């Protein structure tokens, strides 16, 4: 199958492959605009690894678009934003994560959409109150902060409430996201989570793991020292 004709089924097979870097290289040879729609479709995959890797691949594809066809990249960002809007009539699975991954990889998109992504955590902004979507936003913000620490000061206050959330995944993802932020309140909250043994799913570097909230909080806290 030629790169130009890579379809959803082949894309799913590539994303499930053990050698993810090779899969990304293969996907990178597809014209970016042709890869976008199949990747959006895989955000709803029942396989968590495929779903998450589709987010990584989307970020790579959109960042490439931002270099060659910036308006096409903006169209993808607007599609993510629309899917996260209640008026869309759907649920934007994977969209906040894809935004975070794209902004982490693209200077242009980070400058234009970074504040919009942060606003999804802001009660005074476009706050998203669906718990599962909140997890995606927290992860997306964390991905952005880790690649672009200049966003950390603005994100710190927004992440703080999630470190005390009753949902373990939100506490854990907030602890992971908080690592780059030099904020005393976050440091105190991270220290307070050190003994939290609740597990949650974490995706980074192309793989999923199930650490405890406490393990991630300790790692983020120690990384600040």
N, C-alpha and C. Protein backbone atom coordinates (compact mmCIF):
# COMPACT_ATOMS: atom_id res chain seq x y z
N UNK A 1 0.86 -1.20 0.00
CA UNK A 1 0.00 0.00 0.00
C UNK A 1 0.89 1.25 0.00
N UNK A 2 0.65 2.17 -0.90
CA UNK A 2 1.46 3.38 -0.96
C UNK A 2 1.11 4.30 0.19
N UNK A 3 2.08 5.15 0.55
CA UNK A 3 1.87 6.05 1.67
C UNK A 3 0.66 6.95 1.45
N UNK A 4 0.48 7.38 0.20
CA UNK A 4 -0.60 8.31 -0.10
C UNK A 4 -1.98 7.69 0.10
N UNK A 5 -2.05 6.36 0.17
CA UNK A 5 -3.34 5.69 0.26
C UNK A 5 -3.51 4.99 1.61
N UNK A 6 -2.73 5.40 2.59
CA UNK A 6 -2.82 4.79 3.91
C UNK A 6 -4.20 5.05 4.50
N UNK A 7 -4.93 3.98 4.83
CA UNK A 7 -6.28 4.11 5.35
C UNK A 7 -6.39 3.80 6.83
N UNK A 8 -7.62 3.88 7.33
CA UNK A 8 -7.83 3.73 8.76
C UNK A 8 -7.40 2.39 9.31
N UNK A 9 -7.68 1.30 8.58
CA UNK A 9 -7.33 -0.03 9.08
C UNK A 9 -5.82 -0.21 9.17
N UNK A 10 -5.11 0.22 8.12
CA UNK A 10 -3.65 0.13 8.14
C UNK A 10 -3.07 1.06 9.20
N UNK A 11 -3.66 2.21 9.35
CA UNK A 11 -3.22 3.17 10.36
C UNK A 11 -3.35 2.56 11.77
N UNK A 12 -4.47 1.92 12.02
CA UNK A 12 -4.67 1.28 13.32
C UNK A 12 -3.63 0.20 13.57
N UNK A 13 -3.31 -0.59 12.53
CA UNK A 13 -2.29 -1.62 12.68
C UNK A 13 -0.93 -1.02 13.02
N UNK A 14 -0.60 0.07 12.35
CA UNK A 14 0.68 0.73 12.62
C UNK A 14 0.75 1.25 14.05
N UNK A 15 -0.34 1.84 14.53
CA UNK A 15 -0.34 2.43 15.86
C UNK A 15 -0.26 1.36 16.95
N UNK A 16 -0.72 0.16 16.65
CA UNK A 16 -0.65 -0.93 17.62
C UNK A 16 0.69 -1.64 17.60
N UNK A 17 1.54 -1.35 16.61
CA UNK A 17 2.81 -2.05 16.46
C UNK A 17 3.76 -1.73 17.61
N UNK A 18 4.63 -2.67 17.87
CA UNK A 18 5.57 -2.50 18.99
C UNK A 18 6.53 -1.34 18.73
N UNK A 19 7.00 -1.20 17.51
CA UNK A 19 7.97 -0.16 17.17
C UNK A 19 7.23 1.11 16.75
N UNK A 20 6.86 1.90 17.74
CA UNK A 20 6.03 3.07 17.47
C UNK A 20 6.78 4.14 16.70
N UNK A 21 8.08 4.30 16.96
CA UNK A 21 8.84 5.30 16.21
C UNK A 21 8.82 5.01 14.72
N UNK A 22 8.92 3.72 14.37
CA UNK A 22 8.86 3.34 12.96
C UNK A 22 7.47 3.63 12.39
N UNK A 23 6.45 3.41 13.21
CA UNK A 23 5.08 3.71 12.77
C UNK A 23 4.91 5.20 12.50
N UNK A 24 5.44 6.03 13.39
CA UNK A 24 5.35 7.48 13.18
C UNK A 24 6.08 7.90 11.91
N UNK A 25 7.21 7.26 11.67
CA UNK A 25 7.95 7.58 10.44
C UNK A 25 7.13 7.23 9.21
N UNK A 26 6.44 6.10 9.27
CA UNK A 26 5.59 5.68 8.15
C UNK A 26 4.42 6.64 7.97
N UNK A 27 3.79 7.01 9.07
CA UNK A 27 2.67 7.95 9.00
C UNK A 27 3.13 9.31 8.50
N UNK A 28 4.36 9.67 8.87
CA UNK A 28 4.90 10.95 8.45
C UNK A 28 5.11 11.08 6.96
N UNK A 29 5.07 9.96 6.25
CA UNK A 29 5.23 10.01 4.79
C UNK A 29 3.89 10.18 4.07
N UNK A 30 2.81 10.17 4.84
CA UNK A 30 1.47 10.39 4.28
C UNK A 30 1.23 11.90 4.17
N UNK A 31 0.68 12.39 3.07
CA UNK A 31 0.32 13.81 3.02
C UNK A 31 -0.53 14.17 4.24
N UNK A 32 -0.13 15.18 5.00
CA UNK A 32 -0.77 15.44 6.30
C UNK A 32 -2.28 15.53 6.27
N UNK A 33 -2.83 16.23 5.29
CA UNK A 33 -4.29 16.40 5.27
C UNK A 33 -5.02 15.08 5.07
N UNK A 34 -4.35 14.10 4.43
CA UNK A 34 -4.98 12.80 4.22
C UNK A 34 -4.98 11.95 5.48
N UNK A 35 -4.10 12.27 6.42
CA UNK A 35 -4.01 11.49 7.65
C UNK A 35 -4.98 11.97 8.73
N UNK A 36 -5.43 13.21 8.64
CA UNK A 36 -6.19 13.82 9.72
C UNK A 36 -7.48 13.08 10.03
N UNK A 37 -8.33 12.86 9.04
CA UNK A 37 -9.64 12.24 9.31
C UNK A 37 -9.52 10.83 9.88
N UNK A 38 -8.66 9.94 9.32
CA UNK A 38 -8.51 8.62 9.94
C UNK A 38 -8.02 8.70 11.38
N UNK A 39 -7.15 9.63 11.68
CA UNK A 39 -6.66 9.77 13.05
C UNK A 39 -7.77 10.22 13.98
N UNK A 40 -8.58 11.16 13.55
CA UNK A 40 -9.73 11.56 14.36
C UNK A 40 -10.60 10.34 14.68
N UNK A 41 -10.81 9.48 13.69
CA UNK A 41 -11.63 8.30 13.90
C UNK A 41 -11.06 7.37 14.96
N UNK A 42 -9.74 7.31 15.06
CA UNK A 42 -9.11 6.41 16.02
C UNK A 42 -9.09 6.97 17.44
N UNK A 43 -9.50 8.22 17.62
CA UNK A 43 -9.64 8.74 18.98
C UNK A 43 -10.70 7.97 19.77
N UNK A 44 -11.57 7.27 19.08
CA UNK A 44 -12.63 6.49 19.74
C UNK A 44 -12.31 5.00 19.77
N UNK A 45 -11.08 4.62 19.46
CA UNK A 45 -10.71 3.21 19.46
C UNK A 45 -10.90 2.60 20.84
N UNK A 46 -11.29 1.32 20.86
CA UNK A 46 -11.43 0.62 22.13
C UNK A 46 -10.09 0.21 22.73
N UNK A 47 -9.06 0.27 21.91
CA UNK A 47 -7.71 -0.06 22.37
C UNK A 47 -7.06 1.21 22.91
N UNK A 48 -6.82 1.30 24.22
CA UNK A 48 -6.26 2.54 24.78
C UNK A 48 -4.95 2.95 24.14
N UNK A 49 -4.09 1.97 23.81
CA UNK A 49 -2.79 2.32 23.23
C UNK A 49 -2.97 2.91 21.84
N UNK A 50 -3.85 2.33 21.04
CA UNK A 50 -4.12 2.89 19.71
C UNK A 50 -4.68 4.29 19.83
N UNK A 51 -5.61 4.47 20.76
CA UNK A 51 -6.23 5.79 20.96
C UNK A 51 -5.17 6.84 21.32
N UNK A 52 -4.31 6.50 22.26
CA UNK A 52 -3.30 7.45 22.69
C UNK A 52 -2.27 7.72 21.59
N UNK A 53 -1.86 6.67 20.90
CA UNK A 53 -0.87 6.87 19.85
C UNK A 53 -1.45 7.65 18.67
N UNK A 54 -2.75 7.55 18.48
CA UNK A 54 -3.39 8.40 17.47
C UNK A 54 -3.25 9.87 17.84
N UNK A 55 -3.30 10.16 19.14
CA UNK A 55 -3.08 11.53 19.62
C UNK A 55 -1.66 11.98 19.26
N UNK A 56 -0.67 11.12 19.54
CA UNK A 56 0.72 11.46 19.20
C UNK A 56 0.88 11.69 17.71
N UNK A 57 0.30 10.79 16.92
CA UNK A 57 0.43 10.92 15.48
C UNK A 57 -0.27 12.18 14.97
N UNK A 58 -1.41 12.50 15.54
CA UNK A 58 -2.12 13.72 15.15
C UNK A 58 -1.26 14.95 15.44
N UNK A 59 -0.63 14.97 16.60
CA UNK A 59 0.23 16.10 16.94
C UNK A 59 1.35 16.28 15.93
N UNK A 60 1.97 15.16 15.53
CA UNK A 60 3.03 15.22 14.53
C UNK A 60 2.50 15.74 13.20
N UNK A 61 1.36 15.21 12.78
CA UNK A 61 0.78 15.58 11.50
C UNK A 61 0.39 17.06 11.48
N UNK A 62 -0.25 17.52 12.54
CA UNK A 62 -0.72 18.90 12.58
C UNK A 62 0.46 19.87 12.67
N UNK A 63 1.50 19.49 13.39
CA UNK A 63 2.69 20.34 13.46
C UNK A 63 3.33 20.48 12.08
N UNK A 64 3.34 19.39 11.32
CA UNK A 64 3.84 19.46 9.94
C UNK A 64 2.97 20.38 9.10
N UNK A 65 1.67 20.26 9.27
CA UNK A 65 0.76 21.15 8.54
C UNK A 65 1.02 22.61 8.88
N UNK A 66 1.29 22.87 10.16
CA UNK A 66 1.51 24.25 10.59
C UNK A 66 2.71 24.87 9.90
N UNK A 67 3.67 24.04 9.52
CA UNK A 67 4.85 24.54 8.82
C UNK A 67 4.57 24.82 7.35
N UNK A 68 3.80 23.92 6.71
CA UNK A 68 3.60 24.03 5.26
C UNK A 68 2.27 24.67 4.86
N UNK A 69 1.23 24.40 5.66
CA UNK A 69 -0.11 24.92 5.37
C UNK A 69 -0.75 25.37 6.67
N UNK A 70 -0.31 26.51 7.23
CA UNK A 70 -0.78 26.91 8.55
C UNK A 70 -2.29 27.03 8.66
N UNK A 71 -2.97 27.44 7.61
CA UNK A 71 -4.42 27.56 7.70
C UNK A 71 -5.07 26.19 7.81
N UNK A 72 -4.51 25.18 7.18
CA UNK A 72 -5.03 23.81 7.31
C UNK A 72 -4.85 23.31 8.74
N UNK A 73 -3.73 23.67 9.36
CA UNK A 73 -3.52 23.29 10.76
C UNK A 73 -4.54 23.98 11.67
N UNK A 74 -4.85 25.23 11.36
CA UNK A 74 -5.86 25.94 12.16
C UNK A 74 -7.23 25.30 12.00
N UNK A 75 -7.52 24.78 10.82
CA UNK A 75 -8.79 24.09 10.61
C UNK A 75 -8.89 22.88 11.54
N UNK A 76 -7.80 22.15 11.70
CA UNK A 76 -7.80 20.99 12.60
C UNK A 76 -8.00 21.45 14.04
N UNK A 77 -7.33 22.52 14.42
CA UNK A 77 -7.50 23.04 15.78
C UNK A 77 -8.95 23.47 16.02
N UNK A 78 -9.53 24.11 15.05
CA UNK A 78 -10.93 24.54 15.20
C UNK A 78 -11.87 23.35 15.26
N UNK A 79 -11.54 22.30 14.54
CA UNK A 79 -12.36 21.08 14.62
C UNK A 79 -12.28 20.47 16.02
N UNK A 80 -11.08 20.45 16.61
CA UNK A 80 -10.94 19.97 17.99
C UNK A 80 -11.76 20.83 18.94
N UNK A 81 -11.67 22.13 18.78
CA UNK A 81 -12.41 23.04 19.65
C UNK A 81 -13.91 22.85 19.50
N UNK A 82 -14.38 22.67 18.27
CA UNK A 82 -15.81 22.46 18.05
C UNK A 82 -16.27 21.16 18.71
N UNK A 83 -15.48 20.11 18.58
CA UNK A 83 -15.84 18.83 19.18
C UNK A 83 -15.91 18.92 20.71
N UNK A 84 -15.15 19.84 21.29
CA UNK A 84 -15.17 20.02 22.74
C UNK A 84 -16.30 20.94 23.20
N UNK A 85 -16.96 21.57 22.24
CA UNK A 85 -18.05 22.48 22.54
C UNK A 85 -19.35 21.69 22.72
N UNK A 86 -20.10 21.98 23.77
CA UNK A 86 -21.36 21.28 24.01
C UNK A 86 -22.31 21.41 22.83
N UNK A 87 -22.25 22.52 22.12
CA UNK A 87 -23.15 22.73 20.99
C UNK A 87 -22.90 21.78 19.83
N UNK A 88 -21.74 21.10 19.84
CA UNK A 88 -21.43 20.18 18.75
C UNK A 88 -22.32 18.96 18.78
N UNK A 89 -22.91 18.66 19.95
CA UNK A 89 -23.78 17.49 20.08
C UNK A 89 -23.03 16.19 20.28
N UNK A 90 -21.72 16.24 20.37
CA UNK A 90 -20.92 15.04 20.58
C UNK A 90 -20.00 15.21 21.76
N UNK A 91 -19.14 14.22 21.95
CA UNK A 91 -18.13 14.31 23.02
C UNK A 91 -16.76 14.25 22.35
N UNK A 92 -15.93 15.21 22.66
CA UNK A 92 -14.66 15.36 21.96
C UNK A 92 -13.55 14.49 22.46
N UNK A 93 -13.77 13.16 22.45
CA UNK A 93 -12.72 12.26 22.91
C UNK A 93 -11.42 12.51 22.15
N UNK A 94 -10.33 12.67 22.88
CA UNK A 94 -9.02 12.81 22.29
C UNK A 94 -8.68 14.20 21.78
N UNK A 95 -9.66 15.09 21.74
CA UNK A 95 -9.41 16.39 21.11
C UNK A 95 -8.52 17.29 21.95
N UNK A 96 -8.76 17.35 23.25
CA UNK A 96 -7.89 18.18 24.10
C UNK A 96 -6.47 17.63 24.12
N UNK A 97 -6.36 16.30 24.15
CA UNK A 97 -5.03 15.68 24.12
C UNK A 97 -4.31 16.00 22.81
N UNK A 98 -5.06 15.93 21.70
CA UNK A 98 -4.46 16.23 20.40
C UNK A 98 -4.05 17.69 20.31
N UNK A 99 -4.84 18.58 20.90
CA UNK A 99 -4.45 19.98 20.93
C UNK A 99 -3.14 20.15 21.69
N UNK A 100 -3.05 19.54 22.87
CA UNK A 100 -1.83 19.65 23.66
C UNK A 100 -0.62 19.11 22.93
N UNK A 101 -0.78 17.96 22.28
CA UNK A 101 0.34 17.37 21.53
C UNK A 101 0.74 18.25 20.36
N UNK A 102 -0.22 18.80 19.66
CA UNK A 102 0.07 19.67 18.52
C UNK A 102 0.78 20.94 18.96
N UNK A 103 0.31 21.55 20.03
CA UNK A 103 0.92 22.79 20.52
C UNK A 103 2.32 22.53 21.06
N UNK A 104 2.52 21.36 21.66
CA UNK A 104 3.85 21.02 22.15
C UNK A 104 4.86 20.93 21.01
N UNK A 105 4.38 20.57 19.82
CA UNK A 105 5.27 20.35 18.68
C UNK A 105 5.38 21.56 17.76
N UNK A 106 4.53 22.57 17.93
CA UNK A 106 4.50 23.69 16.98
C UNK A 106 4.54 25.03 17.69
N UNK A 107 5.56 25.82 17.40
CA UNK A 107 5.65 27.17 17.96
C UNK A 107 4.45 28.02 17.53
N UNK A 108 4.12 27.93 16.26
CA UNK A 108 3.04 28.76 15.72
C UNK A 108 1.73 28.46 16.43
N UNK A 109 1.39 27.17 16.54
CA UNK A 109 0.12 26.80 17.16
C UNK A 109 0.12 27.08 18.66
N UNK A 110 1.25 26.91 19.31
CA UNK A 110 1.33 27.20 20.75
C UNK A 110 1.02 28.66 21.01
N UNK A 111 1.56 29.54 20.19
CA UNK A 111 1.31 30.98 20.36
C UNK A 111 -0.16 31.32 20.15
N UNK A 112 -0.80 30.65 19.21
CA UNK A 112 -2.18 30.99 18.86
C UNK A 112 -3.22 30.30 19.74
N UNK A 113 -2.92 29.09 20.20
CA UNK A 113 -3.95 28.30 20.87
C UNK A 113 -3.61 27.88 22.30
N UNK A 114 -2.44 28.24 22.79
CA UNK A 114 -2.07 27.84 24.14
C UNK A 114 -3.04 28.35 25.19
N UNK A 115 -3.40 29.60 25.09
CA UNK A 115 -4.32 30.18 26.07
C UNK A 115 -5.71 29.56 25.98
N UNK A 116 -6.09 29.15 24.78
CA UNK A 116 -7.40 28.50 24.61
C UNK A 116 -7.41 27.15 25.33
N UNK A 117 -6.34 26.39 25.20
CA UNK A 117 -6.26 25.10 25.90
C UNK A 117 -6.31 25.29 27.41
N UNK A 118 -5.56 26.27 27.92
CA UNK A 118 -5.59 26.54 29.36
C UNK A 118 -6.98 26.95 29.83
N UNK A 119 -7.71 27.65 28.98
CA UNK A 119 -9.03 28.14 29.37
C UNK A 119 -10.02 27.02 29.64
N UNK A 120 -9.75 25.82 29.12
CA UNK A 120 -10.64 24.69 29.39
C UNK A 120 -10.54 24.22 30.84
N UNK A 121 -9.51 24.67 31.56
CA UNK A 121 -9.38 24.36 32.98
C UNK A 121 -9.78 25.53 33.87
N UNK A 122 -10.13 26.63 33.28
CA UNK A 122 -10.38 27.87 34.01
C UNK A 122 -11.88 28.07 34.26
N UNK A 123 -12.31 28.07 35.53
CA UNK A 123 -13.73 28.31 35.82
C UNK A 123 -14.23 29.64 35.28
N UNK A 124 -13.32 30.58 35.06
CA UNK A 124 -13.70 31.87 34.50
C UNK A 124 -13.56 31.90 32.98
N UNK A 125 -13.13 30.78 32.41
CA UNK A 125 -12.94 30.71 30.97
C UNK A 125 -13.93 29.74 30.35
N UNK A 126 -13.43 28.87 29.50
CA UNK A 126 -14.29 27.88 28.83
C UNK A 126 -14.21 26.53 29.54
N UNK A 127 -14.40 26.56 30.84
CA UNK A 127 -14.22 25.38 31.69
C UNK A 127 -15.04 24.20 31.19
N UNK A 128 -14.38 23.04 31.10
CA UNK A 128 -15.05 21.80 30.72
C UNK A 128 -15.30 21.00 31.99
N UNK A 129 -16.57 20.70 32.26
CA UNK A 129 -16.89 20.04 33.53
C UNK A 129 -17.17 18.55 33.38
N UNK A 130 -17.00 17.99 32.18
CA UNK A 130 -17.15 16.54 32.00
C UNK A 130 -15.87 15.87 32.51
N UNK A 131 -15.96 15.01 33.55
CA UNK A 131 -14.74 14.47 34.17
C UNK A 131 -13.79 13.78 33.19
N UNK A 132 -14.33 12.96 32.30
CA UNK A 132 -13.45 12.25 31.36
C UNK A 132 -12.75 13.23 30.41
N UNK A 133 -13.46 14.26 29.96
CA UNK A 133 -12.83 15.26 29.12
C UNK A 133 -11.84 16.11 29.90
N UNK A 134 -12.13 16.34 31.19
CA UNK A 134 -11.17 17.05 32.04
C UNK A 134 -9.83 16.32 32.08
N UNK A 135 -9.88 15.00 32.14
CA UNK A 135 -8.64 14.23 32.15
C UNK A 135 -7.82 14.53 30.90
N UNK A 136 -8.51 14.59 29.76
CA UNK A 136 -7.82 14.90 28.52
C UNK A 136 -7.23 16.30 28.50
N UNK A 137 -7.95 17.25 29.07
CA UNK A 137 -7.44 18.62 29.10
C UNK A 137 -6.22 18.72 30.02
N UNK A 138 -6.30 18.07 31.19
CA UNK A 138 -5.17 18.11 32.11
C UNK A 138 -3.94 17.48 31.45
N UNK A 139 -4.14 16.35 30.78
CA UNK A 139 -3.01 15.73 30.08
C UNK A 139 -2.47 16.67 29.00
N UNK A 140 -3.37 17.27 28.22
CA UNK A 140 -2.94 18.16 27.16
C UNK A 140 -2.16 19.36 27.69
N UNK A 141 -2.63 19.92 28.79
CA UNK A 141 -1.92 21.04 29.41
C UNK A 141 -0.56 20.59 29.92
N UNK A 142 -0.51 19.39 30.51
CA UNK A 142 0.77 18.87 30.97
C UNK A 142 1.75 18.65 29.84
N UNK A 143 1.25 18.13 28.72
CA UNK A 143 2.12 17.92 27.56
C UNK A 143 2.65 19.25 27.05
N UNK A 144 1.80 20.26 27.02
CA UNK A 144 2.22 21.59 26.60
C UNK A 144 3.26 22.16 27.54
N UNK A 145 3.00 22.06 28.85
CA UNK A 145 3.93 22.61 29.84
C UNK A 145 5.30 21.95 29.78
N UNK A 146 5.31 20.64 29.58
CA UNK A 146 6.58 19.93 29.55
C UNK A 146 7.43 20.31 28.34
N UNK A 147 6.76 20.61 27.23
CA UNK A 147 7.49 21.03 26.04
C UNK A 147 7.79 22.52 26.05
N UNK A 148 6.92 23.29 26.71
CA UNK A 148 7.01 24.76 26.69
C UNK A 148 6.76 25.29 28.10
N UNK A 149 7.79 25.26 28.95
CA UNK A 149 7.62 25.65 30.35
C UNK A 149 7.14 27.08 30.55
N UNK A 150 7.20 27.89 29.51
CA UNK A 150 6.72 29.28 29.65
C UNK A 150 5.23 29.32 29.96
N UNK A 151 4.51 28.23 29.68
CA UNK A 151 3.08 28.18 30.01
C UNK A 151 2.84 27.75 31.46
N UNK A 152 3.87 27.30 32.15
CA UNK A 152 3.69 26.75 33.49
C UNK A 152 3.15 27.76 34.50
N UNK A 153 3.64 29.00 34.53
CA UNK A 153 3.09 29.93 35.52
C UNK A 153 1.59 30.14 35.40
N UNK A 154 1.08 30.26 34.18
CA UNK A 154 -0.35 30.46 33.99
C UNK A 154 -1.14 29.20 34.32
N UNK A 155 -0.54 28.04 34.10
CA UNK A 155 -1.25 26.78 34.33
C UNK A 155 -1.27 26.37 35.80
N UNK A 156 -0.31 26.84 36.58
CA UNK A 156 -0.16 26.36 37.95
C UNK A 156 -1.43 26.52 38.78
N UNK A 157 -2.00 27.71 38.78
CA UNK A 157 -3.21 27.96 39.57
C UNK A 157 -4.38 27.12 39.08
N UNK A 158 -4.44 26.86 37.78
CA UNK A 158 -5.55 26.09 37.21
C UNK A 158 -5.44 24.61 37.57
N UNK A 159 -4.22 24.12 37.73
CA UNK A 159 -4.01 22.71 38.07
C UNK A 159 -4.26 22.42 39.54
N UNK A 160 -4.07 23.41 40.38
CA UNK A 160 -4.11 23.19 41.83
C UNK A 160 -5.37 22.47 42.31
N UNK A 161 -6.58 22.86 41.89
CA UNK A 161 -7.77 22.16 42.39
C UNK A 161 -7.81 20.68 42.00
N UNK A 162 -7.22 20.34 40.88
CA UNK A 162 -7.27 18.95 40.42
C UNK A 162 -6.40 18.03 41.27
N UNK A 163 -5.43 18.59 41.97
CA UNK A 163 -4.59 17.77 42.85
C UNK A 163 -5.38 17.28 44.07
N UNK A 164 -6.53 17.86 44.32
CA UNK A 164 -7.39 17.43 45.42
C UNK A 164 -8.69 16.81 44.91
N UNK A 165 -8.76 16.50 43.63
CA UNK A 165 -9.99 15.97 43.04
C UNK A 165 -10.26 14.55 43.55
N UNK A 166 -11.53 14.18 43.74
CA UNK A 166 -11.84 12.82 44.19
C UNK A 166 -11.55 11.75 43.14
N UNK A 167 -11.40 12.13 41.87
CA UNK A 167 -11.11 11.16 40.82
C UNK A 167 -9.60 10.92 40.76
N UNK A 168 -9.13 9.68 41.00
CA UNK A 168 -7.69 9.43 41.02
C UNK A 168 -6.98 9.85 39.74
N UNK A 169 -7.61 9.62 38.58
CA UNK A 169 -6.94 9.97 37.33
C UNK A 169 -6.68 11.48 37.23
N UNK A 170 -7.62 12.27 37.72
CA UNK A 170 -7.40 13.72 37.68
C UNK A 170 -6.30 14.14 38.64
N UNK A 171 -6.26 13.53 39.82
CA UNK A 171 -5.16 13.84 40.75
C UNK A 171 -3.82 13.44 40.14
N UNK A 172 -3.78 12.25 39.60
CA UNK A 172 -2.52 11.75 39.05
C UNK A 172 -2.05 12.54 37.84
N UNK A 173 -2.97 12.84 36.93
CA UNK A 173 -2.58 13.60 35.75
C UNK A 173 -2.17 15.02 36.12
N UNK A 174 -2.84 15.61 37.09
CA UNK A 174 -2.45 16.94 37.55
C UNK A 174 -1.06 16.90 38.18
N UNK A 175 -0.77 15.83 38.92
CA UNK A 175 0.56 15.68 39.52
C UNK A 175 1.63 15.55 38.44
N UNK A 176 1.32 14.80 37.40
CA UNK A 176 2.25 14.66 36.27
C UNK A 176 2.43 15.99 35.55
N UNK A 177 1.32 16.68 35.31
CA UNK A 177 1.37 17.95 34.58
C UNK A 177 2.13 19.01 35.36
N UNK A 178 2.06 18.95 36.69
CA UNK A 178 2.61 20.01 37.54
C UNK A 178 4.13 20.02 37.61
N UNK A 179 4.79 19.00 37.11
CA UNK A 179 6.24 18.88 37.27
C UNK A 179 7.03 20.12 36.85
N UNK A 180 6.71 20.77 35.71
CA UNK A 180 7.53 21.92 35.31
C UNK A 180 7.23 23.21 36.07
N UNK A 181 6.15 23.24 36.84
CA UNK A 181 5.71 24.50 37.47
C UNK A 181 6.46 24.75 38.77
N UNK A 182 7.09 25.89 38.88
CA UNK A 182 7.76 26.29 40.11
C UNK A 182 6.80 27.14 40.94
N UNK A 183 5.94 26.45 41.67
CA UNK A 183 4.89 27.11 42.43
C UNK A 183 4.83 26.47 43.81
N UNK A 184 4.91 27.27 44.87
CA UNK A 184 4.95 26.73 46.23
C UNK A 184 3.67 26.00 46.60
N UNK A 185 2.54 26.48 46.10
CA UNK A 185 1.27 25.81 46.43
C UNK A 185 1.21 24.43 45.78
N UNK A 186 1.67 24.34 44.55
CA UNK A 186 1.71 23.04 43.89
C UNK A 186 2.68 22.11 44.60
N UNK A 187 3.82 22.65 45.02
CA UNK A 187 4.80 21.81 45.71
C UNK A 187 4.20 21.22 46.98
N UNK A 188 3.48 22.04 47.75
CA UNK A 188 2.86 21.56 48.98
C UNK A 188 1.81 20.49 48.68
N UNK A 189 1.02 20.71 47.63
CA UNK A 189 -0.01 19.73 47.26
C UNK A 189 0.62 18.43 46.78
N UNK A 190 1.70 18.52 46.01
CA UNK A 190 2.39 17.31 45.56
C UNK A 190 2.95 16.52 46.74
N UNK A 191 3.53 17.24 47.69
CA UNK A 191 4.05 16.56 48.88
C UNK A 191 2.94 15.85 49.64
N UNK A 192 1.77 16.47 49.66
CA UNK A 192 0.63 15.87 50.35
C UNK A 192 0.08 14.63 49.67
N UNK A 193 0.40 14.44 48.40
CA UNK A 193 -0.07 13.27 47.66
C UNK A 193 0.92 12.11 47.67
N UNK A 194 2.04 12.28 48.34
CA UNK A 194 3.11 11.29 48.28
C UNK A 194 2.66 9.89 48.67
N UNK A 195 1.69 9.79 49.56
CA UNK A 195 1.23 8.49 50.01
C UNK A 195 -0.02 7.99 49.32
N UNK A 196 -0.45 8.66 48.27
CA UNK A 196 -1.68 8.30 47.56
C UNK A 196 -1.42 7.06 46.70
N UNK A 197 -2.01 5.94 47.05
CA UNK A 197 -1.75 4.68 46.36
C UNK A 197 -2.77 4.35 45.27
N UNK A 198 -3.62 5.28 44.92
CA UNK A 198 -4.61 5.04 43.86
C UNK A 198 -3.91 4.97 42.51
N UNK A 199 -4.17 3.94 41.70
CA UNK A 199 -3.55 3.85 40.37
C UNK A 199 -4.36 4.62 39.33
N UNK A 200 -3.71 4.99 38.26
CA UNK A 200 -4.39 5.65 37.14
C UNK A 200 -3.60 5.38 35.88
N UNK A 201 -4.23 5.61 34.72
CA UNK A 201 -3.55 5.39 33.44
C UNK A 201 -2.79 6.65 33.04
N UNK A 202 -1.53 6.46 32.67
CA UNK A 202 -0.69 7.57 32.22
C UNK A 202 -0.04 7.20 30.90
N UNK A 203 -0.15 8.11 29.94
CA UNK A 203 0.49 7.91 28.63
C UNK A 203 1.63 8.90 28.49
N UNK A 204 2.80 8.39 28.17
CA UNK A 204 3.93 9.24 27.82
C UNK A 204 4.94 8.41 27.04
N UNK A 205 5.63 9.07 26.14
CA UNK A 205 6.67 8.42 25.34
C UNK A 205 6.15 7.21 24.57
N UNK A 206 4.92 7.29 24.09
CA UNK A 206 4.39 6.25 23.23
C UNK A 206 3.89 5.01 23.92
N UNK A 207 3.79 5.02 25.24
CA UNK A 207 3.29 3.84 25.94
C UNK A 207 2.43 4.24 27.12
N UNK A 208 1.58 3.33 27.55
CA UNK A 208 0.72 3.57 28.70
C UNK A 208 1.23 2.76 29.89
N UNK A 209 1.12 3.33 31.06
CA UNK A 209 1.47 2.66 32.30
C UNK A 209 0.37 2.92 33.33
N UNK A 210 0.44 2.23 34.46
CA UNK A 210 -0.53 2.45 35.54
C UNK A 210 0.23 2.71 36.85
N UNK A 211 0.81 3.90 36.98
CA UNK A 211 1.49 4.25 38.23
C UNK A 211 0.46 4.65 39.29
N UNK A 212 0.91 4.80 40.50
CA UNK A 212 0.04 5.36 41.53
C UNK A 212 0.15 6.88 41.51
N UNK A 213 -0.87 7.51 42.01
CA UNK A 213 -0.85 8.97 42.13
C UNK A 213 0.37 9.40 42.94
N UNK A 214 0.62 8.70 44.03
CA UNK A 214 1.74 9.05 44.90
C UNK A 214 3.08 8.94 44.21
N UNK A 215 3.27 7.90 43.41
CA UNK A 215 4.54 7.73 42.71
C UNK A 215 4.80 8.88 41.76
N UNK A 216 3.77 9.30 41.04
CA UNK A 216 3.92 10.42 40.10
C UNK A 216 4.13 11.73 40.86
N UNK A 217 3.41 11.90 41.97
CA UNK A 217 3.57 13.12 42.77
C UNK A 217 4.98 13.21 43.33
N UNK A 218 5.50 12.09 43.80
CA UNK A 218 6.87 12.09 44.34
C UNK A 218 7.88 12.42 43.25
N UNK A 219 7.67 11.87 42.07
CA UNK A 219 8.57 12.13 40.95
C UNK A 219 8.52 13.61 40.56
N UNK A 220 7.33 14.17 40.48
CA UNK A 220 7.21 15.58 40.12
C UNK A 220 7.81 16.47 41.20
N UNK A 221 7.60 16.10 42.45
CA UNK A 221 8.13 16.91 43.55
C UNK A 221 9.64 16.85 43.58
N UNK A 222 10.21 15.65 43.43
CA UNK A 222 11.67 15.52 43.48
C UNK A 222 12.33 16.22 42.30
N UNK A 223 11.63 16.27 41.15
CA UNK A 223 12.18 16.94 39.99
C UNK A 223 12.29 18.43 40.15
N UNK A 224 11.67 18.97 41.18
CA UNK A 224 11.72 20.41 41.43
C UNK A 224 12.89 20.81 42.31
N UNK A 225 13.53 19.80 42.91
CA UNK A 225 14.55 20.11 43.89
C UNK A 225 15.85 20.56 43.22
